[in-house]
Amino acid sequence: MRNPRTWSTPRLVRALTGGCLAALALVGVVTATVLGGARDGTDVIGHQAAPQVVRSADLYFALNDMDAQAANLLLFGADPDFATVRRQSLDTYDQRRAQVATDLQRVAEATADDLDTITATMGAVLLAAALALTAVGMRSRLREYA
């Protein structure tokens, strides 16, 4: 091989073109690898993480609505003027309690490896629901004696 300083211009252009094509091929391979990883990350977000977030948001909404309905029941008590509102609050509370059970089951299916946490959460929700309904029942009875 000759010294590059003595190469002719066409030969130097061909060598530089070959170097540029090799660098371009290397950039293409690196880009394809990076985009493949990004696609995998997008699949994880779209098919695994996003549904889990939606389930969690549904669960959060249902629990908050159960809390609000329990507060309504405690505020209205057994007052006959609010019998319709009380019935609506009880119905909504029951609907949300069923929704919480469904959401917890879906979360449990998605995170089968963390079954202890789901079981503890289900137990806490059931206990809270029982305590809320007990408190509502007690308040109603207290108003009857007043």
N, C-alpha and C. Protein backbone atom coordinates (compact mmCIF):
# COMPACT_ATOMS: atom_id res chain seq x y z
N MET A 1 0.83 -1.18 0.00
CA MET A 1 0.00 0.00 0.00
C MET A 1 0.87 1.25 0.00
N ARG A 2 0.43 2.20 -0.63
CA ARG A 2 1.17 3.47 -0.71
C ARG A 2 0.84 4.37 0.47
N ASN A 3 1.64 5.30 0.66
CA ASN A 3 1.43 6.31 1.67
C ASN A 3 0.21 7.14 1.25
N PRO A 4 -0.78 7.42 2.18
CA PRO A 4 -1.98 8.17 1.80
C PRO A 4 -1.68 9.54 1.24
N ARG A 5 -0.55 10.11 1.59
CA ARG A 5 -0.23 11.44 1.07
C ARG A 5 0.08 11.38 -0.42
N THR A 6 0.45 10.21 -0.88
CA THR A 6 0.77 10.10 -2.29
C THR A 6 -0.37 9.53 -3.11
N TRP A 7 -1.50 9.26 -2.44
CA TRP A 7 -2.64 8.75 -3.20
C TRP A 7 -3.14 9.82 -4.15
N SER A 8 -3.70 9.35 -5.20
CA SER A 8 -4.30 10.30 -6.14
C SER A 8 -5.66 10.73 -5.59
N THR A 9 -6.17 11.81 -6.09
CA THR A 9 -7.45 12.35 -5.61
C THR A 9 -8.60 11.36 -5.77
N PRO A 10 -8.76 10.68 -6.90
CA PRO A 10 -9.86 9.72 -7.01
C PRO A 10 -9.73 8.60 -5.98
N ARG A 11 -8.54 8.13 -5.76
CA ARG A 11 -8.33 7.06 -4.79
C ARG A 11 -8.65 7.56 -3.37
N LEU A 12 -8.27 8.76 -3.03
CA LEU A 12 -8.55 9.35 -1.72
C LEU A 12 -10.06 9.55 -1.54
N VAL A 13 -10.75 9.98 -2.58
CA VAL A 13 -12.21 10.15 -2.51
C VAL A 13 -12.89 8.81 -2.28
N ARG A 14 -12.42 7.76 -2.96
CA ARG A 14 -13.00 6.43 -2.77
C ARG A 14 -12.76 5.94 -1.34
N ALA A 15 -11.59 6.16 -0.81
CA ALA A 15 -11.28 5.72 0.56
C ALA A 15 -12.15 6.46 1.57
N LEU A 16 -12.28 7.76 1.41
CA LEU A 16 -13.13 8.55 2.32
C LEU A 16 -14.60 8.16 2.18
N THR A 17 -15.05 7.90 0.97
CA THR A 17 -16.43 7.45 0.75
C THR A 17 -16.68 6.12 1.45
N GLY A 18 -15.72 5.20 1.31
CA GLY A 18 -15.84 3.91 2.00
C GLY A 18 -15.89 4.08 3.51
N GLY A 19 -15.06 4.97 4.05
CA GLY A 19 -15.07 5.24 5.49
C GLY A 19 -16.39 5.83 5.94
N CYS A 20 -16.92 6.77 5.14
CA CYS A 20 -18.23 7.37 5.46
C CYS A 20 -19.34 6.33 5.41
N LEU A 21 -19.31 5.44 4.42
CA LEU A 21 -20.34 4.38 4.32
C LEU A 21 -20.25 3.43 5.51
N ALA A 22 -19.03 3.10 5.93
CA ALA A 22 -18.86 2.22 7.10
C ALA A 22 -19.39 2.90 8.36
N ALA A 23 -19.10 4.19 8.53
CA ALA A 23 -19.61 4.94 9.68
C ALA A 23 -21.12 5.03 9.63
N LEU A 24 -21.69 5.24 8.46
CA LEU A 24 -23.14 5.32 8.28
C LEU A 24 -23.79 3.97 8.62
N ALA A 25 -23.17 2.88 8.20
CA ALA A 25 -23.70 1.55 8.54
C ALA A 25 -23.66 1.33 10.04
N LEU A 26 -22.58 1.77 10.70
CA LEU A 26 -22.47 1.62 12.14
C LEU A 26 -23.55 2.45 12.85
N VAL A 27 -23.78 3.66 12.39
CA VAL A 27 -24.84 4.49 12.98
C VAL A 27 -26.20 3.84 12.77
N GLY A 28 -26.44 3.25 11.61
CA GLY A 28 -27.70 2.56 11.34
C GLY A 28 -27.92 1.39 12.28
N VAL A 29 -26.88 0.60 12.53
CA VAL A 29 -27.00 -0.54 13.44
C VAL A 29 -27.29 -0.06 14.86
N VAL A 30 -26.57 0.97 15.31
CA VAL A 30 -26.79 1.50 16.65
C VAL A 30 -28.20 2.07 16.78
N THR A 31 -28.66 2.79 15.77
CA THR A 31 -30.01 3.36 15.79
C THR A 31 -31.07 2.26 15.84
N ALA A 32 -30.90 1.22 15.05
CA ALA A 32 -31.87 0.12 15.06
C ALA A 32 -31.91 -0.55 16.43
N THR A 33 -30.76 -0.72 17.05
CA THR A 33 -30.71 -1.34 18.38
C THR A 33 -31.41 -0.47 19.41
N VAL A 34 -31.14 0.83 19.38
CA VAL A 34 -31.76 1.74 20.35
C VAL A 34 -33.27 1.80 20.14
N LEU A 35 -33.71 1.89 18.90
CA LEU A 35 -35.15 1.95 18.63
C LEU A 35 -35.85 0.65 18.99
N GLY A 36 -35.16 -0.47 18.81
CA GLY A 36 -35.74 -1.75 19.23
C GLY A 36 -35.97 -1.79 20.73
N GLY A 37 -35.02 -1.28 21.50
CA GLY A 37 -35.19 -1.20 22.95
C GLY A 37 -36.30 -0.26 23.34
N ALA A 38 -36.41 0.86 22.64
CA ALA A 38 -37.48 1.81 22.92
C ALA A 38 -38.85 1.20 22.62
N ARG A 39 -38.92 0.42 21.54
CA ARG A 39 -40.17 -0.24 21.18
C ARG A 39 -40.57 -1.24 22.27
N ASP A 40 -39.60 -1.97 22.80
CA ASP A 40 -39.89 -2.91 23.88
C ASP A 40 -40.40 -2.16 25.12
N GLY A 41 -39.77 -1.02 25.41
CA GLY A 41 -40.22 -0.22 26.54
C GLY A 41 -41.62 0.30 26.35
N THR A 42 -41.95 0.71 25.13
CA THR A 42 -43.29 1.18 24.83
C THR A 42 -44.31 0.06 24.97
N ASP A 43 -43.94 -1.14 24.55
CA ASP A 43 -44.83 -2.29 24.70
C ASP A 43 -45.10 -2.58 26.17
N VAL A 44 -44.07 -2.49 27.00
CA VAL A 44 -44.26 -2.72 28.44
C VAL A 44 -45.21 -1.68 29.01
N ILE A 45 -45.02 -0.42 28.62
CA ILE A 45 -45.89 0.63 29.14
C ILE A 45 -47.32 0.44 28.64
N GLY A 46 -47.47 0.18 27.35
CA GLY A 46 -48.80 0.10 26.76
C GLY A 46 -49.58 -1.14 27.13
N HIS A 47 -48.90 -2.26 27.30
CA HIS A 47 -49.60 -3.51 27.53
C HIS A 47 -49.57 -4.00 28.96
N GLN A 48 -48.66 -3.50 29.77
CA GLN A 48 -48.58 -3.98 31.15
C GLN A 48 -48.81 -2.87 32.16
N ALA A 49 -48.04 -1.81 32.06
CA ALA A 49 -48.10 -0.76 33.07
C ALA A 49 -49.38 0.08 32.97
N ALA A 50 -49.77 0.46 31.77
CA ALA A 50 -50.95 1.33 31.61
C ALA A 50 -52.23 0.67 32.14
N PRO A 51 -52.51 -0.59 31.80
CA PRO A 51 -53.70 -1.20 32.37
C PRO A 51 -53.66 -1.28 33.89
N GLN A 52 -52.48 -1.49 34.45
CA GLN A 52 -52.34 -1.53 35.91
C GLN A 52 -52.64 -0.16 36.52
N VAL A 53 -52.20 0.90 35.85
CA VAL A 53 -52.47 2.25 36.33
C VAL A 53 -53.96 2.54 36.26
N VAL A 54 -54.62 2.12 35.19
CA VAL A 54 -56.06 2.33 35.06
C VAL A 54 -56.80 1.59 36.16
N ARG A 55 -56.41 0.34 36.42
CA ARG A 55 -57.06 -0.42 37.50
C ARG A 55 -56.87 0.28 38.84
N SER A 56 -55.67 0.76 39.08
CA SER A 56 -55.39 1.45 40.34
C SER A 56 -56.20 2.74 40.46
N ALA A 57 -56.32 3.47 39.38
CA ALA A 57 -57.11 4.71 39.40
C ALA A 57 -58.59 4.40 39.64
N ASP A 58 -59.10 3.35 39.01
CA ASP A 58 -60.49 2.94 39.25
C ASP A 58 -60.69 2.57 40.72
N LEU A 59 -59.76 1.83 41.26
CA LEU A 59 -59.83 1.41 42.66
C LEU A 59 -59.80 2.65 43.57
N TYR A 60 -58.92 3.58 43.29
CA TYR A 60 -58.80 4.80 44.08
C TYR A 60 -60.12 5.58 44.05
N PHE A 61 -60.70 5.72 42.86
CA PHE A 61 -61.97 6.44 42.73
C PHE A 61 -63.06 5.74 43.53
N ALA A 62 -63.16 4.42 43.39
CA ALA A 62 -64.23 3.69 44.08
C ALA A 62 -64.08 3.79 45.59
N LEU A 63 -62.85 3.69 46.09
CA LEU A 63 -62.63 3.81 47.54
C LEU A 63 -62.99 5.21 48.03
N ASN A 64 -62.61 6.23 47.28
CA ASN A 64 -62.96 7.60 47.67
C ASN A 64 -64.46 7.83 47.65
N ASP A 65 -65.13 7.25 46.65
CA ASP A 65 -66.58 7.42 46.58
C ASP A 65 -67.26 6.66 47.71
N MET A 66 -66.74 5.49 48.05
CA MET A 66 -67.30 4.78 49.22
C MET A 66 -67.17 5.63 50.46
N ASP A 67 -66.03 6.27 50.63
CA ASP A 67 -65.81 7.14 51.78
C ASP A 67 -66.80 8.30 51.78
N ALA A 68 -66.99 8.91 50.62
CA ALA A 68 -67.93 10.03 50.52
C ALA A 68 -69.36 9.60 50.82
N GLN A 69 -69.74 8.43 50.32
CA GLN A 69 -71.11 7.95 50.57
C GLN A 69 -71.30 7.60 52.04
N ALA A 70 -70.27 7.05 52.68
CA ALA A 70 -70.36 6.76 54.11
C ALA A 70 -70.51 8.07 54.90
N ALA A 71 -69.80 9.10 54.47
CA ALA A 71 -69.94 10.41 55.13
C ALA A 71 -71.36 10.95 54.94
N ASN A 72 -71.90 10.80 53.74
CA ASN A 72 -73.28 11.23 53.50
C ASN A 72 -74.24 10.49 54.41
N LEU A 73 -74.06 9.20 54.53
CA LEU A 73 -74.94 8.40 55.38
C LEU A 73 -74.84 8.85 56.83
N LEU A 74 -73.64 9.15 57.29
CA LEU A 74 -73.48 9.61 58.67
C LEU A 74 -74.10 10.99 58.87
N LEU A 75 -73.98 11.85 57.87
CA LEU A 75 -74.55 13.19 58.00
C LEU A 75 -76.07 13.17 57.99
N PHE A 76 -76.67 12.38 57.13
CA PHE A 76 -78.12 12.38 57.00
C PHE A 76 -78.78 11.49 58.04
N GLY A 77 -78.09 10.45 58.48
CA GLY A 77 -78.64 9.58 59.51
C GLY A 77 -79.99 9.01 59.13
N ALA A 78 -80.87 8.96 60.10
CA ALA A 78 -82.20 8.38 59.88
C ALA A 78 -83.26 9.46 59.70
N ASP A 79 -82.84 10.68 59.40
CA ASP A 79 -83.78 11.79 59.22
C ASP A 79 -84.73 11.46 58.07
N PRO A 80 -86.05 11.44 58.33
CA PRO A 80 -87.01 11.08 57.27
C PRO A 80 -87.02 12.08 56.11
N ASP A 81 -86.58 13.31 56.34
CA ASP A 81 -86.53 14.29 55.25
C ASP A 81 -85.50 13.91 54.20
N PHE A 82 -84.50 13.11 54.59
CA PHE A 82 -83.43 12.73 53.68
C PHE A 82 -83.47 11.24 53.32
N ALA A 83 -84.64 10.65 53.39
CA ALA A 83 -84.76 9.20 53.11
C ALA A 83 -84.33 8.87 51.68
N THR A 84 -84.69 9.71 50.73
CA THR A 84 -84.33 9.46 49.32
C THR A 84 -82.82 9.56 49.14
N VAL A 85 -82.22 10.59 49.73
CA VAL A 85 -80.77 10.76 49.61
C VAL A 85 -80.05 9.61 50.31
N ARG A 86 -80.60 9.18 51.43
CA ARG A 86 -80.00 8.06 52.17
C ARG A 86 -80.04 6.80 51.32
N ARG A 87 -81.17 6.53 50.67
CA ARG A 87 -81.30 5.35 49.82
C ARG A 87 -80.31 5.42 48.66
N GLN A 88 -80.19 6.60 48.03
CA GLN A 88 -79.24 6.77 46.93
C GLN A 88 -77.80 6.57 47.41
N SER A 89 -77.50 7.09 48.57
CA SER A 89 -76.15 6.93 49.12
C SER A 89 -75.85 5.46 49.41
N LEU A 90 -76.81 4.76 49.96
CA LEU A 90 -76.62 3.32 50.23
C LEU A 90 -76.43 2.54 48.93
N ASP A 91 -77.24 2.87 47.92
CA ASP A 91 -77.12 2.19 46.63
C ASP A 91 -75.76 2.45 46.00
N THR A 92 -75.35 3.72 46.02
CA THR A 92 -74.04 4.07 45.45
C THR A 92 -72.92 3.39 46.23
N TYR A 93 -73.06 3.36 47.55
CA TYR A 93 -72.05 2.70 48.40
C TYR A 93 -71.93 1.22 48.02
N ASP A 94 -73.06 0.56 47.84
CA ASP A 94 -73.04 -0.86 47.47
C ASP A 94 -72.43 -1.06 46.08
N GLN A 95 -72.74 -0.16 45.15
CA GLN A 95 -72.15 -0.26 43.81
C GLN A 95 -70.63 -0.11 43.88
N ARG A 96 -70.18 0.86 44.63
CA ARG A 96 -68.73 1.08 44.74
C ARG A 96 -68.04 -0.07 45.48
N ARG A 97 -68.72 -0.64 46.45
CA ARG A 97 -68.14 -1.78 47.16
C ARG A 97 -67.96 -2.96 46.19
N ALA A 98 -68.93 -3.18 45.33
CA ALA A 98 -68.81 -4.24 44.31
C ALA A 98 -67.69 -3.90 43.33
N GLN A 99 -67.58 -2.62 42.96
CA GLN A 99 -66.53 -2.19 42.04
C GLN A 99 -65.16 -2.39 42.68
N VAL A 100 -65.03 -2.08 43.97
CA VAL A 100 -63.76 -2.28 44.67
C VAL A 100 -63.38 -3.75 44.65
N ALA A 101 -64.34 -4.61 44.90
CA ALA A 101 -64.05 -6.05 44.89
C ALA A 101 -63.57 -6.49 43.51
N THR A 102 -64.24 -6.03 42.47
CA THR A 102 -63.83 -6.37 41.10
C THR A 102 -62.45 -5.82 40.78
N ASP A 103 -62.22 -4.55 41.14
CA ASP A 103 -60.91 -3.93 40.86
C ASP A 103 -59.80 -4.65 41.62
N LEU A 104 -60.04 -5.02 42.85
CA LEU A 104 -59.02 -5.73 43.62
C LEU A 104 -58.73 -7.10 43.01
N GLN A 105 -59.76 -7.76 42.50
CA GLN A 105 -59.53 -9.05 41.84
C GLN A 105 -58.69 -8.87 40.58
N ARG A 106 -58.98 -7.82 39.81
CA ARG A 106 -58.19 -7.58 38.59
C ARG A 106 -56.75 -7.21 38.92
N VAL A 107 -56.56 -6.43 39.97
CA VAL A 107 -55.20 -6.08 40.39
C VAL A 107 -54.48 -7.34 40.87
N ALA A 108 -55.20 -8.20 41.59
CA ALA A 108 -54.60 -9.43 42.08
C ALA A 108 -54.19 -10.34 40.92
N GLU A 109 -55.00 -10.40 39.88
CA GLU A 109 -54.65 -11.21 38.71
C GLU A 109 -53.41 -10.66 38.01
N ALA A 110 -53.30 -9.33 37.97
CA ALA A 110 -52.17 -8.72 37.28
C ALA A 110 -50.87 -8.83 38.09
N THR A 111 -51.00 -8.86 39.41
CA THR A 111 -49.81 -8.92 40.26
C THR A 111 -49.90 -10.16 41.14
N ALA A 112 -49.93 -11.30 40.53
CA ALA A 112 -50.07 -12.56 41.26
C ALA A 112 -48.89 -12.82 42.19
N ASP A 113 -47.74 -12.21 41.91
CA ASP A 113 -46.57 -12.44 42.74
C ASP A 113 -46.65 -11.71 44.08
N ASP A 114 -47.55 -10.73 44.22
CA ASP A 114 -47.68 -9.96 45.45
C ASP A 114 -49.04 -10.23 46.09
N LEU A 115 -49.39 -11.48 46.21
CA LEU A 115 -50.71 -11.88 46.70
C LEU A 115 -50.94 -11.50 48.16
N ASP A 116 -49.90 -11.48 48.97
CA ASP A 116 -50.05 -11.11 50.38
C ASP A 116 -50.54 -9.68 50.52
N THR A 117 -49.99 -8.78 49.73
CA THR A 117 -50.40 -7.38 49.79
C THR A 117 -51.84 -7.22 49.35
N ILE A 118 -52.22 -7.91 48.28
CA ILE A 118 -53.60 -7.83 47.79
C ILE A 118 -54.56 -8.38 48.84
N THR A 119 -54.21 -9.51 49.45
CA THR A 119 -55.07 -10.11 50.47
C THR A 119 -55.23 -9.16 51.66
N ALA A 120 -54.14 -8.55 52.09
CA ALA A 120 -54.21 -7.60 53.20
C ALA A 120 -55.06 -6.39 52.83
N THR A 121 -54.94 -5.91 51.60
CA THR A 121 -55.72 -4.77 51.15
C THR A 121 -57.20 -5.12 51.10
N MET A 122 -57.52 -6.31 50.59
CA MET A 122 -58.92 -6.73 50.54
C MET A 122 -59.51 -6.82 51.95
N GLY A 123 -58.72 -7.37 52.87
CA GLY A 123 -59.19 -7.45 54.25
C GLY A 123 -59.42 -6.08 54.86
N ALA A 124 -58.53 -5.13 54.60
CA ALA A 124 -58.68 -3.77 55.12
C ALA A 124 -59.91 -3.08 54.54
N VAL A 125 -60.15 -3.28 53.25
CA VAL A 125 -61.33 -2.67 52.61
C VAL A 125 -62.61 -3.26 53.19
N LEU A 126 -62.64 -4.55 53.36
CA LEU A 126 -63.83 -5.18 53.94
C LEU A 126 -64.07 -4.71 55.38
N LEU A 127 -63.00 -4.59 56.14
CA LEU A 127 -63.12 -4.10 57.51
C LEU A 127 -63.62 -2.66 57.54
N ALA A 128 -63.07 -1.82 56.67
CA ALA A 128 -63.52 -0.43 56.60
C ALA A 128 -64.98 -0.34 56.21
N ALA A 129 -65.41 -1.17 55.26
CA ALA A 129 -66.81 -1.17 54.85
C ALA A 129 -67.71 -1.61 55.99
N ALA A 130 -67.30 -2.64 56.71
CA ALA A 130 -68.10 -3.12 57.84
C ALA A 130 -68.18 -2.06 58.93
N LEU A 131 -67.06 -1.41 59.22
CA LEU A 131 -67.07 -0.36 60.24
C LEU A 131 -67.93 0.83 59.83
N ALA A 132 -67.86 1.21 58.58
CA ALA A 132 -68.68 2.33 58.10
C ALA A 132 -70.16 2.01 58.21
N LEU A 133 -70.53 0.82 57.78
CA LEU A 133 -71.95 0.44 57.86
C LEU A 133 -72.39 0.30 59.31
N THR A 134 -71.51 -0.18 60.17
CA THR A 134 -71.83 -0.27 61.60
C THR A 134 -72.03 1.12 62.17
N ALA A 135 -71.15 2.05 61.83
CA ALA A 135 -71.28 3.43 62.31
C ALA A 135 -72.57 4.07 61.83
N VAL A 136 -72.93 3.82 60.59
CA VAL A 136 -74.18 4.38 60.05
C VAL A 136 -75.37 3.80 60.80
N GLY A 137 -75.33 2.50 61.03
CA GLY A 137 -76.42 1.86 61.77
C GLY A 137 -76.52 2.37 63.18
N MET A 138 -75.39 2.58 63.85
CA MET A 138 -75.40 3.08 65.22
C MET A 138 -75.92 4.52 65.28
N ARG A 139 -75.53 5.32 64.33
CA ARG A 139 -75.99 6.71 64.31
C ARG A 139 -77.50 6.76 64.11
N SER A 140 -78.00 5.88 63.25
CA SER A 140 -79.44 5.84 63.02
C SER A 140 -80.17 5.48 64.31
N ARG A 141 -79.62 4.54 65.04
CA ARG A 141 -80.26 4.12 66.30
C ARG A 141 -80.17 5.23 67.35
N LEU A 142 -79.05 5.96 67.38
CA LEU A 142 -78.91 7.04 68.34
C LEU A 142 -79.95 8.13 68.10
N ARG A 143 -80.25 8.41 66.85
CA ARG A 143 -81.25 9.43 66.54
C ARG A 143 -82.64 8.97 66.96
N GLU A 144 -82.87 7.66 66.90
CA GLU A 144 -84.19 7.15 67.33
C GLU A 144 -84.42 7.40 68.82
N TYR A 145 -83.35 7.34 69.62
CA TYR A 145 -83.46 7.51 71.07
C TYR A 145 -83.45 8.98 71.49
N ALA A 146 -83.04 9.86 70.60
CA ALA A 146 -82.92 11.27 70.98
C ALA A 146 -84.26 11.97 71.00
